[in-house]
Amino acid sequence: MKTAIILLALVSFSCAFVVKKEEKPLLGGILCDICQNLVKGAENEGADAGEIWLKGQITILCKDLNAGSFLDGICESVLDGIVVDLDVYIKQDLPPLVCCQKVDCCS
């Protein structure tokens, strides 16, 4: 009986600690500068910069990498996946680095 109580206490104790998973930026952070440039451009554009504007700029910024069509496509795909959240953070007037950290482009 003592063993069962001790075992139960150990299991309960170990379950009480939540290990926070260390979040890593998307693609190792190589999109951090692109993301920040995107946010700065949206801030300069003002109220007209929404999701459609962001998607258009993503295409331009990813092609400017000159990394080849395959990597350009990956860049566009990843950034297209965060456009909605990024737009929300931009509209909250958060700094570019903070916006990009919140969407996991920067660490």
PDB file of N, CA and C in Angstrom:
ATOM      1  N   MET A   1       0.816  -1.195   0.000  1.00  0.00           N
ATOM      2  CA  MET A   1       0.000   0.000   0.000  1.00  0.00           C
ATOM      3  C   MET A   1       0.861   1.261   0.000  1.00  0.00           C
ATOM      4  N   LYS A   2       1.949   1.221   0.824  1.00  0.00           N
ATOM      5  CA  LYS A   2       2.855   2.363   0.854  1.00  0.00           C
ATOM      6  C   LYS A   2       3.452   2.616  -0.527  1.00  0.00           C
ATOM      7  N   THR A   3       3.815   1.551  -1.190  1.00  0.00           N
ATOM      8  CA  THR A   3       4.416   1.665  -2.514  1.00  0.00           C
ATOM      9  C   THR A   3       3.449   2.312  -3.498  1.00  0.00           C
ATOM     10  N   ALA A   4       2.196   1.929  -3.425  1.00  0.00           N
ATOM     11  CA  ALA A   4       1.188   2.495  -4.325  1.00  0.00           C
ATOM     12  C   ALA A   4       1.005   3.984  -4.073  1.00  0.00           C
ATOM     13  N   ILE A   5       1.008   4.383  -2.808  1.00  0.00           N
ATOM     14  CA  ILE A   5       0.843   5.801  -2.465  1.00  0.00           C
ATOM     15  C   ILE A   5       2.056   6.603  -2.929  1.00  0.00           C
ATOM     16  N   ILE A   6       3.239   6.059  -2.714  1.00  0.00           N
ATOM     17  CA  ILE A   6       4.457   6.747  -3.152  1.00  0.00           C
ATOM     18  C   ILE A   6       4.483   6.858  -4.674  1.00  0.00           C
ATOM     19  N   LEU A   7       4.126   5.785  -5.346  1.00  0.00           N
ATOM     20  CA  LEU A   7       4.086   5.802  -6.807  1.00  0.00           C
ATOM     21  C   LEU A   7       3.073   6.822  -7.317  1.00  0.00           C
ATOM     22  N   LEU A   8       1.906   6.860  -6.697  1.00  0.00           N
ATOM     23  CA  LEU A   8       0.877   7.824  -7.077  1.00  0.00           C
ATOM     24  C   LEU A   8       1.356   9.254  -6.843  1.00  0.00           C
ATOM     25  N   ALA A   9       2.050   9.468  -5.731  1.00  0.00           N
ATOM     26  CA  ALA A   9       2.583  10.801  -5.424  1.00  0.00           C
ATOM     27  C   ALA A   9       3.626  11.216  -6.457  1.00  0.00           C
ATOM     28  N   LEU A  10       4.493  10.300  -6.837  1.00  0.00           N
ATOM     29  CA  LEU A  10       5.516  10.608  -7.841  1.00  0.00           C
ATOM     30  C   LEU A  10       4.899  10.933  -9.195  1.00  0.00           C
ATOM     31  N   VAL A  11       3.905  10.153  -9.594  1.00  0.00           N
ATOM     32  CA  VAL A  11       3.235  10.400 -10.871  1.00  0.00           C
ATOM     33  C   VAL A  11       2.523  11.744 -10.833  1.00  0.00           C
ATOM     34  N   SER A  12       1.838  12.027  -9.730  1.00  0.00           N
ATOM     35  CA  SER A  12       1.128  13.304  -9.600  1.00  0.00           C
ATOM     36  C   SER A  12       2.102  14.467  -9.629  1.00  0.00           C
ATOM     37  N   PHE A  13       3.215  14.310  -8.926  1.00  0.00           N
ATOM     38  CA  PHE A  13       4.221  15.359  -8.874  1.00  0.00           C
ATOM     39  C   PHE A  13       4.827  15.615 -10.250  1.00  0.00           C
ATOM     40  N   SER A  14       5.134  14.555 -10.966  1.00  0.00           N
ATOM     41  CA  SER A  14       5.745  14.718 -12.288  1.00  0.00           C
ATOM     42  C   SER A  14       4.766  15.310 -13.293  1.00  0.00           C
ATOM     43  N   CYS A  15       3.478  15.020 -13.133  1.00  0.00           N
ATOM     44  CA  CYS A  15       2.470  15.584 -14.034  1.00  0.00           C
ATOM     45  C   CYS A  15       2.191  17.047 -13.728  1.00  0.00           C
ATOM     46  N   ALA A  16       2.557  17.492 -12.538  1.00  0.00           N
ATOM     47  CA  ALA A  16       2.288  18.872 -12.140  1.00  0.00           C
ATOM     48  C   ALA A  16       3.198  19.851 -12.864  1.00  0.00           C
ATOM     49  N   PHE A  17       4.340  19.394 -13.325  1.00  0.00           N
ATOM     50  CA  PHE A  17       5.266  20.263 -14.028  1.00  0.00           C
ATOM     51  C   PHE A  17       5.028  20.169 -15.524  1.00  0.00           C
ATOM     52  N   VAL A  18       4.753  21.298 -16.109  1.00  0.00           N
ATOM     53  CA  VAL A  18       4.542  21.352 -17.546  1.00  0.00           C
ATOM     54  C   VAL A  18       5.830  21.849 -18.174  1.00  0.00           C
ATOM     55  N   VAL A  19       6.330  21.094 -19.087  1.00  0.00           N
ATOM     56  CA  VAL A  19       7.549  21.477 -19.768  1.00  0.00           C
ATOM     57  C   VAL A  19       7.168  22.291 -20.991  1.00  0.00           C
ATOM     58  N   LYS A  20       7.634  23.532 -21.024  1.00  0.00           N
ATOM     59  CA  LYS A  20       7.321  24.395 -22.157  1.00  0.00           C
ATOM     60  C   LYS A  20       8.216  24.020 -23.324  1.00  0.00           C
ATOM     61  N   LYS A  21       7.585  23.740 -24.424  1.00  0.00           N
ATOM     62  CA  LYS A  21       8.320  23.409 -25.637  1.00  0.00           C
ATOM     63  C   LYS A  21       8.988  24.676 -26.155  1.00  0.00           C
ATOM     64  N   GLU A  22      10.268  24.584 -26.423  1.00  0.00           N
ATOM     65  CA  GLU A  22      10.976  25.738 -26.956  1.00  0.00           C
ATOM     66  C   GLU A  22      10.567  25.919 -28.411  1.00  0.00           C
ATOM     67  N   GLU A  23       9.970  27.054 -28.692  1.00  0.00           N
ATOM     68  CA  GLU A  23       9.514  27.307 -30.049  1.00  0.00           C
ATOM     69  C   GLU A  23      10.669  27.847 -30.877  1.00  0.00           C
ATOM     70  N   LYS A  24      10.790  27.321 -32.059  1.00  0.00           N
ATOM     71  CA  LYS A  24      11.844  27.756 -32.961  1.00  0.00           C
ATOM     72  C   LYS A  24      11.205  28.492 -34.121  1.00  0.00           C
ATOM     73  N   PRO A  25      11.899  29.492 -34.639  1.00  0.00           N
ATOM     74  CA  PRO A  25      11.326  30.240 -35.759  1.00  0.00           C
ATOM     75  C   PRO A  25      11.200  29.371 -37.011  1.00  0.00           C
ATOM     76  N   LEU A  26      10.222  29.713 -37.837  1.00  0.00           N
ATOM     77  CA  LEU A  26       9.998  28.994 -39.088  1.00  0.00           C
ATOM     78  C   LEU A  26      11.244  29.029 -39.956  1.00  0.00           C
ATOM     79  N   LEU A  27      11.572  27.908 -40.550  1.00  0.00           N
ATOM     80  CA  LEU A  27      12.727  27.754 -41.440  1.00  0.00           C
ATOM     81  C   LEU A  27      14.013  28.286 -40.815  1.00  0.00           C
ATOM     82  N   GLY A  28      14.150  28.104 -39.511  1.00  0.00           N
ATOM     83  CA  GLY A  28      15.373  28.512 -38.828  1.00  0.00           C
ATOM     84  C   GLY A  28      15.580  30.011 -38.751  1.00  0.00           C
ATOM     85  N   GLY A  29      14.548  30.787 -38.990  1.00  0.00           N
ATOM     86  CA  GLY A  29      14.636  32.242 -38.874  1.00  0.00           C
ATOM     87  C   GLY A  29      15.080  32.963 -40.137  1.00  0.00           C
ATOM     88  N   ILE A  30      15.238  32.232 -41.247  1.00  0.00           N
ATOM     89  CA  ILE A  30      15.715  32.907 -42.463  1.00  0.00           C
ATOM     90  C   ILE A  30      14.687  33.875 -43.038  1.00  0.00           C
ATOM     91  N   LEU A  31      13.440  33.766 -42.582  1.00  0.00           N
ATOM     92  CA  LEU A  31      12.406  34.685 -43.070  1.00  0.00           C
ATOM     93  C   LEU A  31      12.218  35.890 -42.150  1.00  0.00           C
ATOM     94  N   CYS A  32      13.047  36.016 -41.130  1.00  0.00           N
ATOM     95  CA  CYS A  32      12.892  37.090 -40.152  1.00  0.00           C
ATOM     96  C   CYS A  32      13.002  38.467 -40.811  1.00  0.00           C
ATOM     97  N   ASP A  33      14.042  38.685 -41.591  1.00  0.00           N
ATOM     98  CA  ASP A  33      14.224  39.988 -42.247  1.00  0.00           C
ATOM     99  C   ASP A  33      13.107  40.270 -43.240  1.00  0.00           C
ATOM    100  N   ILE A  34      12.710  39.247 -43.990  1.00  0.00           N
ATOM    101  CA  ILE A  34      11.631  39.428 -44.964  1.00  0.00           C
ATOM    102  C   ILE A  34      10.342  39.802 -44.246  1.00  0.00           C
ATOM    103  N   CYS A  35      10.063  39.127 -43.153  1.00  0.00           N
ATOM    104  CA  CYS A  35       8.854  39.409 -42.381  1.00  0.00           C
ATOM    105  C   CYS A  35       8.875  40.844 -41.861  1.00  0.00           C
ATOM    106  N   GLN A  36      10.006  41.262 -41.305  1.00  0.00           N
ATOM    107  CA  GLN A  36      10.100  42.620 -40.768  1.00  0.00           C
ATOM    108  C   GLN A  36       9.953  43.666 -41.875  1.00  0.00           C
ATOM    109  N   ASN A  37      10.545  43.401 -43.030  1.00  0.00           N
ATOM    110  CA  ASN A  37      10.383  44.325 -44.161  1.00  0.00           C
ATOM    111  C   ASN A  37       8.926  44.393 -44.597  1.00  0.00           C
ATOM    112  N   LEU A  38       8.255  43.277 -44.547  1.00  0.00           N
ATOM    113  CA  LEU A  38       6.837  43.214 -44.895  1.00  0.00           C
ATOM    114  C   LEU A  38       6.011  44.069 -43.930  1.00  0.00           C
ATOM    115  N   VAL A  39       6.296  43.952 -42.644  1.00  0.00           N
ATOM    116  CA  VAL A  39       5.569  44.727 -41.632  1.00  0.00           C
ATOM    117  C   VAL A  39       5.858  46.219 -41.790  1.00  0.00           C
ATOM    118  N   LYS A  40       7.127  46.571 -42.004  1.00  0.00           N
ATOM    119  CA  LYS A  40       7.486  47.988 -42.187  1.00  0.00           C
ATOM    120  C   LYS A  40       6.787  48.564 -43.405  1.00  0.00           C
ATOM    121  N   GLY A  41       6.738  47.802 -44.481  1.00  0.00           N
ATOM    122  CA  GLY A  41       6.041  48.251 -45.685  1.00  0.00           C
ATOM    123  C   GLY A  41       4.560  48.456 -45.438  1.00  0.00           C
ATOM    124  N   ALA A  42       3.968  47.555 -44.679  1.00  0.00           N
ATOM    125  CA  ALA A  42       2.542  47.673 -44.358  1.00  0.00           C
ATOM    126  C   ALA A  42       2.286  48.901 -43.497  1.00  0.00           C
ATOM    127  N   GLU A  43       3.186  49.178 -42.569  1.00  0.00           N
ATOM    128  CA  GLU A  43       3.046  50.369 -41.725  1.00  0.00           C
ATOM    129  C   GLU A  43       3.131  51.638 -42.568  1.00  0.00           C
ATOM    130  N   ASN A  44       4.043  51.650 -43.522  1.00  0.00           N
ATOM    131  CA  ASN A  44       4.188  52.814 -44.401  1.00  0.00           C
ATOM    132  C   ASN A  44       2.992  52.973 -45.326  1.00  0.00           C
ATOM    133  N   GLU A  45       2.412  51.857 -45.728  1.00  0.00           N
ATOM    134  CA  GLU A  45       1.262  51.869 -46.636  1.00  0.00           C
ATOM    135  C   GLU A  45       0.015  52.407 -45.938  1.00  0.00           C
ATOM    136  N   GLY A  46      -0.078  52.177 -44.641  1.00  0.00           N
ATOM    137  CA  GLY A  46      -1.207  52.695 -43.861  1.00  0.00           C
ATOM    138  C   GLY A  46      -2.418  51.787 -43.909  1.00  0.00           C
ATOM    139  N   ALA A  47      -3.579  52.408 -43.847  1.00  0.00           N
ATOM    140  CA  ALA A  47      -4.847  51.674 -43.742  1.00  0.00           C
ATOM    141  C   ALA A  47      -5.129  50.798 -44.960  1.00  0.00           C
ATOM    142  N   ASP A  48      -4.523  51.119 -46.095  1.00  0.00           N
ATOM    143  CA  ASP A  48      -4.757  50.343 -47.314  1.00  0.00           C
ATOM    144  C   ASP A  48      -4.073  48.978 -47.284  1.00  0.00           C
ATOM    145  N   ALA A  49      -3.134  48.814 -46.371  1.00  0.00           N
ATOM    146  CA  ALA A  49      -2.386  47.557 -46.317  1.00  0.00           C
ATOM    147  C   ALA A  49      -3.175  46.518 -45.534  1.00  0.00           C
ATOM    148  N   GLY A  50      -3.747  45.577 -46.240  1.00  0.00           N
ATOM    149  CA  GLY A  50      -4.468  44.475 -45.609  1.00  0.00           C
ATOM    150  C   GLY A  50      -3.898  43.174 -46.112  1.00  0.00           C
ATOM    151  N   GLU A  51      -4.670  42.121 -45.979  1.00  0.00           N
ATOM    152  CA  GLU A  51      -4.201  40.797 -46.389  1.00  0.00           C
ATOM    153  C   GLU A  51      -3.847  40.742 -47.875  1.00  0.00           C
ATOM    154  N   ILE A  52      -4.659  41.365 -48.711  1.00  0.00           N
ATOM    155  CA  ILE A  52      -4.391  41.327 -50.159  1.00  0.00           C
ATOM    156  C   ILE A  52      -3.075  42.030 -50.468  1.00  0.00           C
ATOM    157  N   TRP A  53      -2.856  43.183 -49.845  1.00  0.00           N
ATOM    158  CA  TRP A  53      -1.606  43.920 -50.052  1.00  0.00           C
ATOM    159  C   TRP A  53      -0.427  43.073 -49.577  1.00  0.00           C
ATOM    160  N   LEU A  54      -0.571  42.461 -48.402  1.00  0.00           N
ATOM    161  CA  LEU A  54       0.508  41.634 -47.858  1.00  0.00           C
ATOM    162  C   LEU A  54       0.848  40.482 -48.795  1.00  0.00           C
ATOM    163  N   LYS A  55      -0.171  39.816 -49.333  1.00  0.00           N
ATOM    164  CA  LYS A  55       0.077  38.682 -50.239  1.00  0.00           C
ATOM    165  C   LYS A  55       0.827  39.125 -51.494  1.00  0.00           C
ATOM    166  N   GLY A  56       0.480  40.297 -52.010  1.00  0.00           N
ATOM    167  CA  GLY A  56       1.193  40.823 -53.178  1.00  0.00           C
ATOM    168  C   GLY A  56       2.647  41.118 -52.866  1.00  0.00           C
ATOM    169  N   GLN A  57       2.890  41.668 -51.692  1.00  0.00           N
ATOM    170  CA  GLN A  57       4.258  41.990 -51.291  1.00  0.00           C
ATOM    171  C   GLN A  57       5.076  40.739 -50.992  1.00  0.00           C
ATOM    172  N   ILE A  58       4.420  39.716 -50.492  1.00  0.00           N
ATOM    173  CA  ILE A  58       5.121  38.458 -50.211  1.00  0.00           C
ATOM    174  C   ILE A  58       5.732  37.910 -51.493  1.00  0.00           C
ATOM    175  N   THR A  59       4.964  37.928 -52.559  1.00  0.00           N
ATOM    176  CA  THR A  59       5.470  37.438 -53.845  1.00  0.00           C
ATOM    177  C   THR A  59       6.706  38.224 -54.265  1.00  0.00           C
ATOM    178  N   ILE A  60       6.634  39.536 -54.147  1.00  0.00           N
ATOM    179  CA  ILE A  60       7.759  40.396 -54.548  1.00  0.00           C
ATOM    180  C   ILE A  60       8.983  40.136 -53.668  1.00  0.00           C
ATOM    181  N   LEU A  61       8.794  40.130 -52.350  1.00  0.00           N
ATOM    182  CA  LEU A  61       9.922  39.954 -51.434  1.00  0.00           C
ATOM    183  C   LEU A  61      10.570  38.580 -51.570  1.00  0.00           C
ATOM    184  N   CYS A  62       9.773  37.545 -51.772  1.00  0.00           N
ATOM    185  CA  CYS A  62      10.340  36.200 -51.922  1.00  0.00           C
ATOM    186  C   CYS A  62      11.106  36.066 -53.234  1.00  0.00           C
ATOM    187  N   LYS A  63      10.618  36.700 -54.291  1.00  0.00           N
ATOM    188  CA  LYS A  63      11.342  36.644 -55.570  1.00  0.00           C
ATOM    189  C   LYS A  63      12.650  37.427 -55.489  1.00  0.00           C
ATOM    190  N   ASP A  64      12.683  38.472 -54.647  1.00  0.00           N
ATOM    191  CA  ASP A  64      13.908  39.254 -54.465  1.00  0.00           C
ATOM    192  C   ASP A  64      15.027  38.447 -53.809  1.00  0.00           C
ATOM    193  N   LEU A  65      14.684  37.306 -53.219  1.00  0.00           N
ATOM    194  CA  LEU A  65      15.712  36.441 -52.630  1.00  0.00           C
ATOM    195  C   LEU A  65      16.646  35.884 -53.699  1.00  0.00           C
ATOM    196  N   ASN A  66      16.133  35.752 -54.924  1.00  0.00           N
ATOM    197  CA  ASN A  66      16.889  35.153 -56.029  1.00  0.00           C
ATOM    198  C   ASN A  66      17.451  33.789 -55.635  1.00  0.00           C
ATOM    199  N   ALA A  67      16.625  33.012 -54.948  1.00  0.00           N
ATOM    200  CA  ALA A  67      17.064  31.705 -54.465  1.00  0.00           C
ATOM    201  C   ALA A  67      16.579  30.571 -55.361  1.00  0.00           C
ATOM    202  N   GLY A  68      15.946  30.896 -56.454  1.00  0.00           N
ATOM    203  CA  GLY A  68      15.411  29.870 -57.339  1.00  0.00           C
ATOM    204  C   GLY A  68      13.936  29.677 -57.093  1.00  0.00           C
ATOM    205  N   SER A  69      13.251  29.193 -58.101  1.00  0.00           N
ATOM    206  CA  SER A  69      11.793  29.104 -58.015  1.00  0.00           C
ATOM    207  C   SER A  69      11.323  28.164 -56.906  1.00  0.00           C
ATOM    208  N   PHE A  70      12.080  27.111 -56.627  1.00  0.00           N
ATOM    209  CA  PHE A  70      11.677  26.178 -55.578  1.00  0.00           C
ATOM    210  C   PHE A  70      11.666  26.864 -54.210  1.00  0.00           C
ATOM    211  N   LEU A  71      12.767  27.540 -53.872  1.00  0.00           N
ATOM    212  CA  LEU A  71      12.850  28.220 -52.577  1.00  0.00           C
ATOM    213  C   LEU A  71      11.934  29.437 -52.518  1.00  0.00           C
ATOM    214  N   ASP A  72      11.760  30.110 -53.651  1.00  0.00           N
ATOM    215  CA  ASP A  72      10.800  31.222 -53.693  1.00  0.00           C
ATOM    216  C   ASP A  72       9.409  30.709 -53.343  1.00  0.00           C
ATOM    217  N   GLY A  73       9.074  29.541 -53.864  1.00  0.00           N
ATOM    218  CA  GLY A  73       7.770  28.938 -53.588  1.00  0.00           C
ATOM    219  C   GLY A  73       7.602  28.578 -52.122  1.00  0.00           C
ATOM    220  N   ILE A  74       8.666  28.069 -51.509  1.00  0.00           N
ATOM    221  CA  ILE A  74       8.612  27.746 -50.079  1.00  0.00           C
ATOM    222  C   ILE A  74       8.433  29.021 -49.265  1.00  0.00           C
ATOM    223  N   CYS A  75       9.190  30.042 -49.612  1.00  0.00           N
ATOM    224  CA  CYS A  75       9.085  31.334 -48.936  1.00  0.00           C
ATOM    225  C   CYS A  75       7.649  31.851 -49.010  1.00  0.00           C
ATOM    226  N   GLU A  76       7.078  31.844 -50.211  1.00  0.00           N
ATOM    227  CA  GLU A  76       5.704  32.326 -50.396  1.00  0.00           C
ATOM    228  C   GLU A  76       4.709  31.471 -49.628  1.00  0.00           C
ATOM    229  N   SER A  77       4.892  30.173 -49.666  1.00  0.00           N
ATOM    230  CA  SER A  77       3.970  29.265 -48.991  1.00  0.00           C
ATOM    231  C   SER A  77       3.959  29.498 -47.481  1.00  0.00           C
ATOM    232  N   VAL A  78       5.141  29.617 -46.896  1.00  0.00           N
ATOM    233  CA  VAL A  78       5.237  29.834 -45.448  1.00  0.00           C
ATOM    234  C   VAL A  78       4.628  31.178 -45.066  1.00  0.00           C
ATOM    235  N   LEU A  79       4.991  32.234 -45.793  1.00  0.00           N
ATOM    236  CA  LEU A  79       4.487  33.566 -45.454  1.00  0.00           C
ATOM    237  C   LEU A  79       2.994  33.698 -45.732  1.00  0.00           C
ATOM    238  N   ASP A  80       2.505  33.047 -46.786  1.00  0.00           N
ATOM    239  CA  ASP A  80       1.056  33.070 -47.044  1.00  0.00           C
ATOM    240  C   ASP A  80       0.289  32.442 -45.883  1.00  0.00           C
ATOM    241  N   GLY A  81       0.911  31.482 -45.223  1.00  0.00           N
ATOM    242  CA  GLY A  81       0.263  30.812 -44.103  1.00  0.00           C
ATOM    243  C   GLY A  81       0.145  31.656 -42.843  1.00  0.00           C
ATOM    244  N   ILE A  82       0.887  32.762 -42.785  1.00  0.00           N
ATOM    245  CA  ILE A  82       0.842  33.607 -41.586  1.00  0.00           C
ATOM    246  C   ILE A  82       0.222  34.974 -41.846  1.00  0.00           C
ATOM    247  N   VAL A  83      -0.250  35.202 -43.070  1.00  0.00           N
ATOM    248  CA  VAL A  83      -0.766  36.520 -43.454  1.00  0.00           C
ATOM    249  C   VAL A  83      -1.885  37.000 -42.541  1.00  0.00           C
ATOM    250  N   VAL A  84      -2.832  36.142 -42.239  1.00  0.00           N
ATOM    251  CA  VAL A  84      -3.989  36.555 -41.434  1.00  0.00           C
ATOM    252  C   VAL A  84      -3.531  37.023 -40.051  1.00  0.00           C
ATOM    253  N   ASP A  85      -2.697  36.213 -39.396  1.00  0.00           N
ATOM    254  CA  ASP A  85      -2.207  36.585 -38.066  1.00  0.00           C
ATOM    255  C   ASP A  85      -1.322  37.827 -38.131  1.00  0.00           C
ATOM    256  N   LEU A  86      -0.465  37.891 -39.132  1.00  0.00           N
ATOM    257  CA  LEU A  86       0.425  39.037 -39.277  1.00  0.00           C
ATOM    258  C   LEU A  86      -0.375  40.322 -39.460  1.00  0.00           C
ATOM    259  N   ASP A  87      -1.428  40.259 -40.248  1.00  0.00           N
ATOM    260  CA  ASP A  87      -2.291  41.425 -40.467  1.00  0.00           C
ATOM    261  C   ASP A  87      -2.911  41.896 -39.149  1.00  0.00           C
ATOM    262  N   VAL A  88      -3.320  40.964 -38.319  1.00  0.00           N
ATOM    263  CA  VAL A  88      -3.904  41.313 -37.009  1.00  0.00           C
ATOM    264  C   VAL A  88      -2.875  42.048 -36.150  1.00  0.00           C
ATOM    265  N   TYR A  89      -1.651  41.536 -36.100  1.00  0.00           N
ATOM    266  CA  TYR A  89      -0.612  42.153 -35.267  1.00  0.00           C
ATOM    267  C   TYR A  89      -0.198  43.517 -35.811  1.00  0.00           C
ATOM    268  N   ILE A  90      -0.159  43.658 -37.121  1.00  0.00           N
ATOM    269  CA  ILE A  90       0.170  44.953 -37.719  1.00  0.00           C
ATOM    270  C   ILE A  90      -0.891  45.978 -37.339  1.00  0.00           C
ATOM    271  N   LYS A  91      -2.147  45.573 -37.397  1.00  0.00           N
ATOM    272  CA  LYS A  91      -3.244  46.491 -37.056  1.00  0.00           C
ATOM    273  C   LYS A  91      -3.267  46.834 -35.570  1.00  0.00           C
ATOM    274  N   GLN A  92      -2.578  46.046 -34.751  1.00  0.00           N
ATOM    275  CA  GLN A  92      -2.445  46.359 -33.323  1.00  0.00           C
ATOM    276  C   GLN A  92      -1.271  47.300 -33.068  1.00  0.00           C
ATOM    277  N   ASP A  93      -0.615  47.748 -34.149  1.00  0.00           N
ATOM    278  CA  ASP A  93       0.538  48.662 -34.078  1.00  0.00           C
ATOM    279  C   ASP A  93       1.705  48.102 -33.268  1.00  0.00           C
ATOM    280  N   LEU A  94       1.911  46.799 -33.360  1.00  0.00           N
ATOM    281  CA  LEU A  94       3.061  46.193 -32.699  1.00  0.00           C
ATOM    282  C   LEU A  94       4.302  46.449 -33.547  1.00  0.00           C
ATOM    283  N   PRO A  95       5.480  46.557 -32.927  1.00  0.00           N
ATOM    284  CA  PRO A  95       6.717  46.747 -33.694  1.00  0.00           C
ATOM    285  C   PRO A  95       6.960  45.558 -34.636  1.00  0.00           C
ATOM    286  N   PRO A  96       7.671  45.798 -35.741  1.00  0.00           N
ATOM    287  CA  PRO A  96       7.918  44.725 -36.715  1.00  0.00           C
ATOM    288  C   PRO A  96       8.512  43.452 -36.113  1.00  0.00           C
ATOM    289  N   LEU A  97       9.508  43.588 -35.252  1.00  0.00           N
ATOM    290  CA  LEU A  97      10.128  42.398 -34.671  1.00  0.00           C
ATOM    291  C   LEU A  97       9.124  41.610 -33.834  1.00  0.00           C
ATOM    292  N   VAL A  98       8.304  42.308 -33.064  1.00  0.00           N
ATOM    293  CA  VAL A  98       7.307  41.635 -32.222  1.00  0.00           C
ATOM    294  C   VAL A  98       6.280  40.914 -33.090  1.00  0.00           C
ATOM    295  N   CYS A  99       5.818  41.582 -34.149  1.00  0.00           N
ATOM    296  CA  CYS A  99       4.868  40.945 -35.076  1.00  0.00           C
ATOM    297  C   CYS A  99       5.448  39.645 -35.612  1.00  0.00           C
ATOM    298  N   CYS A 100       6.696  39.712 -36.031  1.00  0.00           N
ATOM    299  CA  CYS A 100       7.331  38.542 -36.644  1.00  0.00           C
ATOM    300  C   CYS A 100       7.652  37.456 -35.622  1.00  0.00           C
ATOM    301  N   GLN A 101       7.914  37.843 -34.390  1.00  0.00           N
ATOM    302  CA  GLN A 101       8.106  36.847 -33.337  1.00  0.00           C
ATOM    303  C   GLN A 101       6.795  36.127 -33.045  1.00  0.00           C
ATOM    304  N   LYS A 102       5.703  36.852 -33.062  1.00  0.00           N
ATOM    305  CA  LYS A 102       4.401  36.255 -32.759  1.00  0.00           C
ATOM    306  C   LYS A 102       3.965  35.245 -33.820  1.00  0.00           C
ATOM    307  N   VAL A 103       4.447  35.399 -35.057  1.00  0.00           N
ATOM    308  CA  VAL A 103       4.107  34.440 -36.113  1.00  0.00           C
ATOM    309  C   VAL A 103       5.256  33.455 -36.356  1.00  0.00           C
ATOM    310  N   ASP A 104       6.204  33.420 -35.423  1.00  0.00           N
ATOM    311  CA  ASP A 104       7.327  32.467 -35.434  1.00  0.00           C
ATOM    312  C   ASP A 104       8.298  32.632 -36.599  1.00  0.00           C
ATOM    313  N   CYS A 105       8.419  33.836 -37.139  1.00  0.00           N
ATOM    314  CA  CYS A 105       9.439  34.063 -38.170  1.00  0.00           C
ATOM    315  C   CYS A 105      10.765  34.493 -37.544  1.00  0.00           C
ATOM    316  N   CYS A 106      10.703  35.078 -36.373  1.00  0.00           N
ATOM    317  CA  CYS A 106      11.903  35.536 -35.671  1.00  0.00           C
ATOM    318  C   CYS A 106      11.918  34.936 -34.272  1.00  0.00           C
ATOM    319  N   SER A 107      13.120  34.804 -33.737  1.00  0.00           N
ATOM    320  CA  SER A 107      13.218  34.268 -32.373  1.00  0.00           C
ATOM    321  C   SER A 107      13.394  35.387 -31.379  1.00  0.00           C
TER     322      SER A 107
END
